[in-house]
Amino acid sequence: MRQSFLRVFALFILVFILGVMYLFSLKSSSPKNEEQIACTMDAKMCPDGSYVGRSGLKCEFTPCPEPKADKSDFIKVSNPQPNQIVTSPLELTGEARLWYFEGSFPVEILDANGKKLGVSYVQAEGEWMTTEFVPFKGNLIFSSPETSTGTLILRKDNPSDMRELDDSISIPIRFSP
């Protein structure tokens, strides 16, 4: 009887040791729990008008969406059309969204040599503090060009010092002889 008691006791000790080893192996093989990080609720405005927040272990801003070469989601110019012959004063019309500040944005005209011929602003013709398209209109008076072609530049009005929010479209134009 004593021998059967020793066998049961030895079996119990063996099961106990194997159980402890199993528990230690589970604990050491499970991934270590990282401390939870709580990022601030800052938001960063991207050049396309969208916002991104902070995430990850270092609470860095997520990347902004890649800018599109096509700006038609933000500005549509009715006049002048690309390669149109223009004269001074040039009437500018179209519609824009997320392009205005205080209801206007700057425009400039350059000749083919990059010489600035004129600068002005176009005005929103409606409530500009919206994400919807708002019509714009303006006149640009410019000096006589020395070349037959040039560029009209419509700049997104950016009153901040954040150059990553700058944006513009360039429209090739021709000058009347």
N, C-alpha and C. Protein backbone atom coordinates (compact mmCIF):
# COMPACT_ATOMS: atom_id res chain seq x y z
N MET A 1 0.80 -1.18 0.00
CA MET A 1 0.00 0.00 0.00
C MET A 1 0.86 1.26 0.00
N ARG A 2 1.94 1.08 0.75
CA ARG A 2 2.83 2.22 0.78
C ARG A 2 3.41 2.46 -0.60
N GLN A 3 3.67 1.46 -1.37
CA GLN A 3 4.22 1.59 -2.69
C GLN A 3 3.21 2.25 -3.63
N SER A 4 1.97 1.93 -3.56
CA SER A 4 0.96 2.57 -4.41
C SER A 4 0.78 4.03 -4.01
N PHE A 5 0.92 4.32 -2.70
CA PHE A 5 0.85 5.71 -2.26
C PHE A 5 2.02 6.51 -2.84
N LEU A 6 3.20 5.94 -2.87
CA LEU A 6 4.35 6.62 -3.43
C LEU A 6 4.20 6.84 -4.93
N ARG A 7 3.60 5.88 -5.62
CA ARG A 7 3.37 6.05 -7.06
C ARG A 7 2.37 7.18 -7.32
N VAL A 8 1.31 7.25 -6.58
CA VAL A 8 0.30 8.31 -6.74
C VAL A 8 0.92 9.66 -6.42
N PHE A 9 1.70 9.66 -5.31
CA PHE A 9 2.34 10.91 -4.91
C PHE A 9 3.36 11.36 -5.97
N ALA A 10 4.14 10.46 -6.51
CA ALA A 10 5.12 10.78 -7.55
C ALA A 10 4.40 11.27 -8.81
N LEU A 11 3.30 10.63 -9.14
CA LEU A 11 2.51 11.04 -10.30
C LEU A 11 1.94 12.44 -10.07
N PHE A 12 1.47 12.71 -8.87
CA PHE A 12 0.93 14.03 -8.54
C PHE A 12 2.03 15.10 -8.66
N ILE A 13 3.22 14.82 -8.14
CA ILE A 13 4.34 15.75 -8.21
C ILE A 13 4.73 15.99 -9.67
N LEU A 14 4.76 14.93 -10.47
CA LEU A 14 5.11 15.05 -11.88
C LEU A 14 4.09 15.92 -12.62
N VAL A 15 2.80 15.69 -12.39
CA VAL A 15 1.75 16.50 -13.03
C VAL A 15 1.86 17.95 -12.58
N PHE A 16 2.14 18.18 -11.31
CA PHE A 16 2.29 19.53 -10.78
C PHE A 16 3.46 20.25 -11.45
N ILE A 17 4.60 19.58 -11.56
CA ILE A 17 5.78 20.18 -12.19
C ILE A 17 5.52 20.47 -13.66
N LEU A 18 4.90 19.54 -14.37
CA LEU A 18 4.57 19.77 -15.77
C LEU A 18 3.59 20.93 -15.93
N GLY A 19 2.62 21.05 -15.05
CA GLY A 19 1.67 22.15 -15.10
C GLY A 19 2.34 23.49 -14.88
N VAL A 20 3.25 23.56 -13.91
CA VAL A 20 3.98 24.80 -13.65
C VAL A 20 4.84 25.16 -14.85
N MET A 21 5.51 24.19 -15.44
CA MET A 21 6.34 24.44 -16.62
C MET A 21 5.47 24.94 -17.79
N TYR A 22 4.31 24.36 -17.95
CA TYR A 22 3.39 24.78 -19.01
C TYR A 22 2.97 26.23 -18.82
N LEU A 23 2.61 26.59 -17.60
CA LEU A 23 2.21 27.97 -17.32
C LEU A 23 3.34 28.95 -17.58
N PHE A 24 4.56 28.62 -17.18
CA PHE A 24 5.70 29.49 -17.43
C PHE A 24 5.97 29.63 -18.92
N SER A 25 5.81 28.56 -19.67
CA SER A 25 6.05 28.63 -21.12
C SER A 25 5.00 29.52 -21.78
N LEU A 26 3.76 29.49 -21.31
CA LEU A 26 2.72 30.36 -21.87
C LEU A 26 3.04 31.82 -21.58
N LYS A 27 3.45 32.09 -20.37
CA LYS A 27 3.72 33.46 -19.96
C LYS A 27 4.91 34.03 -20.72
N SER A 28 5.95 33.26 -20.93
CA SER A 28 7.14 33.77 -21.60
C SER A 28 6.94 33.86 -23.11
N SER A 29 6.05 33.07 -23.70
CA SER A 29 5.85 33.12 -25.14
C SER A 29 4.79 34.12 -25.56
N SER A 30 3.98 34.62 -24.63
CA SER A 30 2.95 35.59 -25.01
C SER A 30 3.61 36.94 -25.22
N PRO A 31 3.10 37.74 -26.18
CA PRO A 31 3.71 39.04 -26.43
C PRO A 31 3.56 39.94 -25.21
N LYS A 32 4.59 40.71 -24.98
CA LYS A 32 4.54 41.62 -23.84
C LYS A 32 3.54 42.73 -24.14
N ASN A 33 2.73 43.03 -23.20
CA ASN A 33 1.76 44.10 -23.37
C ASN A 33 2.47 45.44 -23.32
N GLU A 34 2.36 46.20 -24.40
CA GLU A 34 2.93 47.54 -24.43
C GLU A 34 2.04 48.44 -23.58
N GLU A 35 2.64 49.46 -23.04
CA GLU A 35 1.83 50.42 -22.33
C GLU A 35 0.93 51.10 -23.33
N GLN A 36 -0.29 51.35 -22.95
CA GLN A 36 -1.20 52.03 -23.85
C GLN A 36 -0.80 53.50 -23.95
N ILE A 37 -0.86 54.01 -25.17
CA ILE A 37 -0.50 55.39 -25.44
C ILE A 37 -1.79 56.14 -25.77
N ALA A 38 -1.96 57.30 -25.17
CA ALA A 38 -3.10 58.15 -25.50
C ALA A 38 -2.55 59.41 -26.17
N CYS A 39 -2.85 59.56 -27.45
CA CYS A 39 -2.36 60.71 -28.20
C CYS A 39 -3.29 61.89 -27.98
N THR A 40 -2.74 63.09 -28.11
CA THR A 40 -3.58 64.28 -28.00
C THR A 40 -4.51 64.33 -29.20
N MET A 41 -5.56 65.08 -29.08
CA MET A 41 -6.56 65.15 -30.15
C MET A 41 -6.26 66.29 -31.13
N ASP A 42 -4.97 66.57 -31.36
CA ASP A 42 -4.59 67.59 -32.32
C ASP A 42 -5.05 67.18 -33.71
N ALA A 43 -5.27 68.16 -34.55
CA ALA A 43 -5.59 67.90 -35.95
C ALA A 43 -4.70 68.79 -36.80
N LYS A 44 -4.28 68.26 -37.92
CA LYS A 44 -3.44 69.00 -38.86
C LYS A 44 -4.21 69.13 -40.16
N MET A 45 -4.29 70.36 -40.67
CA MET A 45 -4.99 70.57 -41.94
C MET A 45 -4.03 70.27 -43.08
N CYS A 46 -4.47 69.46 -44.02
CA CYS A 46 -3.66 69.09 -45.18
C CYS A 46 -3.92 70.07 -46.32
N PRO A 47 -3.03 70.11 -47.31
CA PRO A 47 -3.21 71.03 -48.43
C PRO A 47 -4.52 70.86 -49.18
N ASP A 48 -5.09 69.65 -49.16
CA ASP A 48 -6.35 69.43 -49.87
C ASP A 48 -7.57 69.81 -49.05
N GLY A 49 -7.35 70.35 -47.84
CA GLY A 49 -8.46 70.78 -46.99
C GLY A 49 -8.93 69.73 -46.02
N SER A 50 -8.41 68.52 -46.12
CA SER A 50 -8.79 67.47 -45.18
C SER A 50 -7.93 67.60 -43.92
N TYR A 51 -8.28 66.85 -42.90
CA TYR A 51 -7.55 66.88 -41.64
C TYR A 51 -7.07 65.49 -41.28
N VAL A 52 -5.91 65.43 -40.62
CA VAL A 52 -5.40 64.16 -40.11
C VAL A 52 -5.08 64.33 -38.63
N GLY A 53 -5.12 63.21 -37.90
CA GLY A 53 -4.84 63.23 -36.47
C GLY A 53 -3.57 62.47 -36.16
N ARG A 54 -3.29 62.36 -34.87
CA ARG A 54 -2.09 61.66 -34.41
C ARG A 54 -2.43 60.19 -34.16
N SER A 55 -1.44 59.31 -34.40
CA SER A 55 -1.64 57.89 -34.12
C SER A 55 -0.28 57.22 -33.97
N GLY A 56 -0.31 55.97 -33.57
CA GLY A 56 0.91 55.19 -33.43
C GLY A 56 1.55 55.36 -32.06
N LEU A 57 2.64 54.62 -31.85
CA LEU A 57 3.33 54.66 -30.56
C LEU A 57 3.99 56.00 -30.29
N LYS A 58 4.36 56.72 -31.34
CA LYS A 58 5.02 58.02 -31.15
C LYS A 58 4.05 59.18 -31.30
N CYS A 59 2.77 58.90 -31.49
CA CYS A 59 1.73 59.94 -31.63
C CYS A 59 2.08 60.94 -32.73
N GLU A 60 2.54 60.43 -33.86
CA GLU A 60 2.86 61.30 -34.98
C GLU A 60 1.63 61.48 -35.86
N PHE A 61 1.56 62.63 -36.57
CA PHE A 61 0.45 62.85 -37.49
C PHE A 61 0.49 61.82 -38.60
N THR A 62 -0.65 61.29 -38.95
CA THR A 62 -0.72 60.39 -40.09
C THR A 62 -0.44 61.21 -41.34
N PRO A 63 0.10 60.62 -42.39
CA PRO A 63 0.43 61.38 -43.59
C PRO A 63 -0.82 61.96 -44.25
N CYS A 64 -0.65 63.13 -44.85
CA CYS A 64 -1.73 63.74 -45.63
C CYS A 64 -1.90 62.96 -46.92
N PRO A 65 -3.10 62.99 -47.50
CA PRO A 65 -3.28 62.34 -48.80
C PRO A 65 -2.39 63.02 -49.83
N GLU A 66 -1.92 62.25 -50.79
CA GLU A 66 -1.09 62.80 -51.84
C GLU A 66 -1.89 63.85 -52.64
N PRO A 67 -1.27 65.00 -52.93
CA PRO A 67 -1.99 66.02 -53.69
C PRO A 67 -2.26 65.54 -55.11
N LYS A 68 -3.39 65.93 -55.61
CA LYS A 68 -3.76 65.56 -56.97
C LYS A 68 -3.22 66.62 -57.93
N ALA A 69 -2.76 66.18 -59.08
CA ALA A 69 -2.33 67.12 -60.10
C ALA A 69 -3.54 67.87 -60.65
N ASP A 70 -4.68 67.19 -60.68
CA ASP A 70 -5.92 67.78 -61.15
C ASP A 70 -6.56 68.55 -60.01
N LYS A 71 -6.74 69.83 -60.18
CA LYS A 71 -7.28 70.70 -59.13
C LYS A 71 -8.79 70.93 -59.30
N SER A 72 -9.43 70.19 -60.19
CA SER A 72 -10.85 70.44 -60.48
C SER A 72 -11.75 70.16 -59.28
N ASP A 73 -11.23 69.49 -58.25
CA ASP A 73 -12.01 69.31 -57.03
C ASP A 73 -12.05 70.59 -56.21
N PHE A 74 -11.19 71.58 -56.55
CA PHE A 74 -11.08 72.80 -55.78
C PHE A 74 -11.34 74.07 -56.56
N ILE A 75 -11.00 74.08 -57.82
CA ILE A 75 -11.18 75.30 -58.61
C ILE A 75 -11.47 74.94 -60.06
N LYS A 76 -12.44 75.65 -60.63
CA LYS A 76 -12.82 75.47 -62.04
C LYS A 76 -12.87 76.86 -62.66
N VAL A 77 -12.04 77.07 -63.67
CA VAL A 77 -11.97 78.37 -64.32
C VAL A 77 -12.79 78.34 -65.60
N SER A 78 -13.74 79.28 -65.71
CA SER A 78 -14.57 79.39 -66.92
C SER A 78 -13.91 80.28 -67.95
N ASN A 79 -13.31 81.38 -67.47
CA ASN A 79 -12.65 82.34 -68.35
C ASN A 79 -11.42 82.88 -67.66
N PRO A 80 -10.27 82.80 -68.32
CA PRO A 80 -10.01 82.32 -69.68
C PRO A 80 -9.78 80.81 -69.71
N GLN A 81 -9.95 80.25 -70.87
CA GLN A 81 -9.66 78.84 -71.10
C GLN A 81 -8.18 78.71 -71.47
N PRO A 82 -7.60 77.52 -71.31
CA PRO A 82 -6.18 77.33 -71.69
C PRO A 82 -5.93 77.73 -73.15
N ASN A 83 -4.83 78.45 -73.35
CA ASN A 83 -4.36 78.91 -74.66
C ASN A 83 -5.29 79.92 -75.33
N GLN A 84 -6.18 80.51 -74.57
CA GLN A 84 -7.07 81.55 -75.09
C GLN A 84 -6.27 82.84 -75.28
N ILE A 85 -6.63 83.61 -76.32
CA ILE A 85 -6.01 84.92 -76.52
C ILE A 85 -6.66 85.89 -75.55
N VAL A 86 -5.83 86.61 -74.78
CA VAL A 86 -6.35 87.53 -73.75
C VAL A 86 -5.85 88.94 -73.99
N THR A 87 -6.64 89.90 -73.51
CA THR A 87 -6.27 91.32 -73.54
C THR A 87 -6.53 91.91 -72.16
N SER A 88 -5.94 93.08 -71.93
CA SER A 88 -6.13 93.76 -70.65
C SER A 88 -7.27 94.77 -70.80
N PRO A 89 -8.17 94.84 -69.85
CA PRO A 89 -8.30 94.05 -68.62
C PRO A 89 -8.89 92.67 -68.92
N LEU A 90 -8.39 91.69 -68.22
CA LEU A 90 -8.83 90.31 -68.39
C LEU A 90 -9.90 90.00 -67.35
N GLU A 91 -11.08 89.59 -67.81
CA GLU A 91 -12.14 89.20 -66.87
C GLU A 91 -11.96 87.73 -66.52
N LEU A 92 -11.90 87.46 -65.22
CA LEU A 92 -11.72 86.10 -64.71
C LEU A 92 -13.03 85.64 -64.09
N THR A 93 -13.48 84.44 -64.46
CA THR A 93 -14.68 83.87 -63.86
C THR A 93 -14.46 82.38 -63.64
N GLY A 94 -15.23 81.84 -62.72
CA GLY A 94 -15.17 80.42 -62.43
C GLY A 94 -15.80 80.15 -61.08
N GLU A 95 -15.41 79.05 -60.47
CA GLU A 95 -15.90 78.70 -59.14
C GLU A 95 -14.80 77.96 -58.40
N ALA A 96 -14.81 78.13 -57.08
CA ALA A 96 -13.76 77.51 -56.27
C ALA A 96 -14.34 77.11 -54.91
N ARG A 97 -13.67 76.18 -54.26
CA ARG A 97 -14.00 75.80 -52.88
C ARG A 97 -12.70 75.56 -52.14
N LEU A 98 -12.68 75.94 -50.87
CA LEU A 98 -11.48 75.80 -50.03
C LEU A 98 -10.28 76.52 -50.65
N TRP A 99 -10.53 77.58 -51.39
CA TRP A 99 -9.49 78.32 -52.09
C TRP A 99 -9.44 79.77 -51.59
N TYR A 100 -10.52 80.22 -50.96
CA TYR A 100 -10.65 81.62 -50.55
C TYR A 100 -10.14 81.85 -49.13
N PHE A 101 -9.78 83.11 -48.87
CA PHE A 101 -9.62 83.60 -47.50
C PHE A 101 -10.22 84.99 -47.51
N GLU A 102 -11.13 85.23 -46.58
CA GLU A 102 -11.86 86.50 -46.52
C GLU A 102 -12.53 86.81 -47.86
N GLY A 103 -12.97 85.76 -48.56
CA GLY A 103 -13.76 85.92 -49.77
C GLY A 103 -12.99 86.26 -51.03
N SER A 104 -11.66 86.10 -51.01
CA SER A 104 -10.89 86.41 -52.22
C SER A 104 -9.66 85.51 -52.30
N PHE A 105 -9.02 85.54 -53.47
CA PHE A 105 -7.71 84.90 -53.62
C PHE A 105 -6.93 85.63 -54.71
N PRO A 106 -5.59 85.56 -54.64
CA PRO A 106 -4.76 86.33 -55.58
C PRO A 106 -4.59 85.64 -56.93
N VAL A 107 -4.42 86.49 -57.95
CA VAL A 107 -4.12 86.02 -59.31
C VAL A 107 -2.99 86.89 -59.85
N GLU A 108 -2.21 86.32 -60.73
CA GLU A 108 -1.15 87.09 -61.39
C GLU A 108 -0.97 86.57 -62.79
N ILE A 109 -0.41 87.43 -63.62
CA ILE A 109 -0.17 87.05 -65.01
C ILE A 109 1.30 87.30 -65.33
N LEU A 110 1.92 86.33 -65.98
CA LEU A 110 3.34 86.39 -66.33
C LEU A 110 3.49 86.22 -67.84
N ASP A 111 4.54 86.83 -68.40
CA ASP A 111 4.83 86.54 -69.80
C ASP A 111 5.69 85.26 -69.86
N ALA A 112 6.07 84.85 -71.04
CA ALA A 112 6.83 83.59 -71.21
C ALA A 112 8.21 83.66 -70.57
N ASN A 113 8.73 84.86 -70.31
CA ASN A 113 10.02 85.03 -69.65
C ASN A 113 9.89 85.02 -68.13
N GLY A 114 8.67 84.90 -67.62
CA GLY A 114 8.46 84.92 -66.17
C GLY A 114 8.29 86.32 -65.59
N LYS A 115 8.24 87.34 -66.46
CA LYS A 115 8.07 88.72 -66.00
C LYS A 115 6.62 88.91 -65.55
N LYS A 116 6.46 89.44 -64.34
CA LYS A 116 5.13 89.67 -63.80
C LYS A 116 4.53 90.91 -64.47
N LEU A 117 3.38 90.70 -65.13
CA LEU A 117 2.73 91.79 -65.86
C LEU A 117 1.59 92.43 -65.07
N GLY A 118 1.01 91.69 -64.14
CA GLY A 118 -0.09 92.23 -63.35
C GLY A 118 -0.46 91.30 -62.21
N VAL A 119 -1.01 91.89 -61.15
CA VAL A 119 -1.44 91.15 -59.96
C VAL A 119 -2.78 91.73 -59.53
N SER A 120 -3.68 90.86 -59.09
CA SER A 120 -4.98 91.31 -58.61
C SER A 120 -5.58 90.23 -57.71
N TYR A 121 -6.82 90.45 -57.32
CA TYR A 121 -7.59 89.48 -56.54
C TYR A 121 -8.92 89.26 -57.21
N VAL A 122 -9.44 88.05 -57.12
CA VAL A 122 -10.82 87.79 -57.54
C VAL A 122 -11.66 87.63 -56.28
N GLN A 123 -12.92 87.96 -56.38
CA GLN A 123 -13.83 87.96 -55.23
C GLN A 123 -14.86 86.84 -55.37
N ALA A 124 -15.19 86.24 -54.25
CA ALA A 124 -16.28 85.26 -54.21
C ALA A 124 -17.59 86.00 -54.43
N GLU A 125 -18.48 85.39 -55.14
CA GLU A 125 -19.80 85.98 -55.38
C GLU A 125 -20.85 85.23 -54.57
N GLY A 126 -20.59 85.08 -53.31
CA GLY A 126 -21.50 84.37 -52.42
C GLY A 126 -20.79 84.04 -51.13
N GLU A 127 -21.45 83.26 -50.29
CA GLU A 127 -20.89 82.87 -49.00
C GLU A 127 -19.70 81.94 -49.24
N TRP A 128 -18.50 82.41 -48.94
CA TRP A 128 -17.29 81.68 -49.24
C TRP A 128 -16.88 80.70 -48.14
N MET A 129 -17.46 80.83 -46.95
CA MET A 129 -17.09 79.94 -45.83
C MET A 129 -17.91 78.66 -45.88
N THR A 130 -17.64 77.87 -46.89
CA THR A 130 -18.34 76.62 -47.12
C THR A 130 -17.38 75.66 -47.80
N THR A 131 -17.73 74.39 -47.79
CA THR A 131 -16.92 73.42 -48.53
C THR A 131 -17.47 73.21 -49.94
N GLU A 132 -18.54 73.92 -50.27
CA GLU A 132 -19.15 73.83 -51.60
C GLU A 132 -18.47 74.82 -52.55
N PHE A 133 -18.66 74.61 -53.85
CA PHE A 133 -18.14 75.55 -54.84
C PHE A 133 -18.87 76.87 -54.74
N VAL A 134 -18.12 77.97 -54.84
CA VAL A 134 -18.66 79.33 -54.81
C VAL A 134 -18.14 80.06 -56.05
N PRO A 135 -19.02 80.70 -56.82
CA PRO A 135 -18.56 81.43 -58.00
C PRO A 135 -17.62 82.58 -57.63
N PHE A 136 -16.69 82.89 -58.53
CA PHE A 136 -15.81 84.04 -58.35
C PHE A 136 -15.77 84.86 -59.62
N LYS A 137 -15.36 86.13 -59.45
CA LYS A 137 -15.25 87.04 -60.58
C LYS A 137 -14.21 88.09 -60.24
N GLY A 138 -13.49 88.53 -61.24
CA GLY A 138 -12.51 89.59 -61.03
C GLY A 138 -11.93 90.07 -62.34
N ASN A 139 -11.27 91.21 -62.28
CA ASN A 139 -10.59 91.78 -63.44
C ASN A 139 -9.12 91.92 -63.13
N LEU A 140 -8.31 91.62 -64.12
CA LEU A 140 -6.86 91.72 -63.98
C LEU A 140 -6.33 92.64 -65.07
N ILE A 141 -5.83 93.78 -64.64
CA ILE A 141 -5.21 94.73 -65.57
C ILE A 141 -3.73 94.41 -65.62
N PHE A 142 -3.20 94.30 -66.84
CA PHE A 142 -1.78 93.95 -66.96
C PHE A 142 -1.10 94.78 -68.02
N SER A 143 0.22 94.91 -67.88
CA SER A 143 1.02 95.71 -68.82
C SER A 143 1.27 94.91 -70.09
N SER A 144 1.75 95.60 -71.10
CA SER A 144 2.00 94.96 -72.40
C SER A 144 3.09 93.91 -72.28
N PRO A 145 2.84 92.73 -72.80
CA PRO A 145 3.84 91.66 -72.72
C PRO A 145 4.90 91.81 -73.81
N GLU A 146 6.06 91.23 -73.55
CA GLU A 146 7.14 91.21 -74.53
C GLU A 146 7.15 89.90 -75.31
N THR A 147 6.28 88.97 -74.90
CA THR A 147 6.20 87.66 -75.57
C THR A 147 4.77 87.43 -76.04
N SER A 148 4.59 86.43 -76.87
CA SER A 148 3.24 86.15 -77.39
C SER A 148 2.46 85.18 -76.51
N THR A 149 3.15 84.54 -75.57
CA THR A 149 2.49 83.61 -74.67
C THR A 149 2.81 83.96 -73.22
N GLY A 150 2.05 83.39 -72.32
CA GLY A 150 2.28 83.63 -70.91
C GLY A 150 1.52 82.65 -70.05
N THR A 151 1.42 82.97 -68.77
CA THR A 151 0.76 82.09 -67.81
C THR A 151 -0.08 82.91 -66.85
N LEU A 152 -1.29 82.47 -66.63
CA LEU A 152 -2.16 83.04 -65.61
C LEU A 152 -2.08 82.12 -64.40
N ILE A 153 -1.78 82.66 -63.22
CA ILE A 153 -1.65 81.86 -62.01
C ILE A 153 -2.72 82.27 -61.02
N LEU A 154 -3.52 81.32 -60.59
CA LEU A 154 -4.53 81.54 -59.55
C LEU A 154 -4.03 80.83 -58.31
N ARG A 155 -3.78 81.60 -57.25
CA ARG A 155 -3.19 81.05 -56.03
C ARG A 155 -4.25 80.86 -54.96
N LYS A 156 -4.17 79.73 -54.27
CA LYS A 156 -5.01 79.51 -53.10
C LYS A 156 -4.57 80.52 -52.05
N ASP A 157 -5.52 81.27 -51.48
CA ASP A 157 -5.15 82.27 -50.48
C ASP A 157 -4.81 81.56 -49.18
N ASN A 158 -3.57 81.73 -48.74
CA ASN A 158 -3.07 81.04 -47.57
C ASN A 158 -2.45 82.07 -46.62
N PRO A 159 -3.22 82.54 -45.64
CA PRO A 159 -2.70 83.56 -44.74
C PRO A 159 -1.73 83.01 -43.69
N SER A 160 -1.60 81.71 -43.60
CA SER A 160 -0.71 81.11 -42.59
C SER A 160 0.73 81.10 -43.10
N ASP A 161 1.64 80.78 -42.23
CA ASP A 161 3.03 80.60 -42.62
C ASP A 161 3.34 79.15 -42.96
N MET A 162 2.30 78.36 -43.13
CA MET A 162 2.48 76.93 -43.41
C MET A 162 2.52 76.74 -44.92
N ARG A 163 3.74 76.69 -45.47
CA ARG A 163 3.93 76.59 -46.92
C ARG A 163 3.32 75.32 -47.49
N GLU A 164 3.16 74.28 -46.66
CA GLU A 164 2.57 73.05 -47.18
C GLU A 164 1.11 73.23 -47.57
N LEU A 165 0.50 74.35 -47.16
CA LEU A 165 -0.89 74.64 -47.53
C LEU A 165 -0.98 75.49 -48.79
N ASP A 166 0.16 75.94 -49.33
CA ASP A 166 0.15 76.71 -50.58
C ASP A 166 -0.35 75.83 -51.71
N ASP A 167 -1.03 76.43 -52.65
CA ASP A 167 -1.48 75.71 -53.83
C ASP A 167 -1.77 76.73 -54.91
N SER A 168 -1.74 76.32 -56.14
CA SER A 168 -2.04 77.22 -57.26
C SER A 168 -2.35 76.39 -58.50
N ILE A 169 -2.96 77.05 -59.45
CA ILE A 169 -3.10 76.45 -60.78
C ILE A 169 -2.53 77.45 -61.79
N SER A 170 -1.98 76.92 -62.83
CA SER A 170 -1.40 77.75 -63.90
C SER A 170 -2.12 77.43 -65.19
N ILE A 171 -2.51 78.47 -65.88
CA ILE A 171 -3.23 78.32 -67.13
C ILE A 171 -2.40 78.98 -68.24
N PRO A 172 -2.01 78.22 -69.26
CA PRO A 172 -1.28 78.83 -70.37
C PRO A 172 -2.22 79.76 -71.16
N ILE A 173 -1.70 80.93 -71.53
CA ILE A 173 -2.51 81.89 -72.28
C ILE A 173 -1.68 82.43 -73.44
N ARG A 174 -2.39 83.08 -74.36
CA ARG A 174 -1.72 83.78 -75.48
C ARG A 174 -2.16 85.23 -75.42
N PHE A 175 -1.25 86.09 -75.79
CA PHE A 175 -1.56 87.52 -75.80
C PHE A 175 -1.91 87.94 -77.24
N SER A 176 -2.85 88.90 -77.36
CA SER A 176 -3.21 89.37 -78.71
C SER A 176 -2.03 90.19 -79.25
N PRO A 177 -1.80 90.07 -80.55
CA PRO A 177 -0.65 90.76 -81.16
C PRO A 177 -0.83 92.28 -81.13
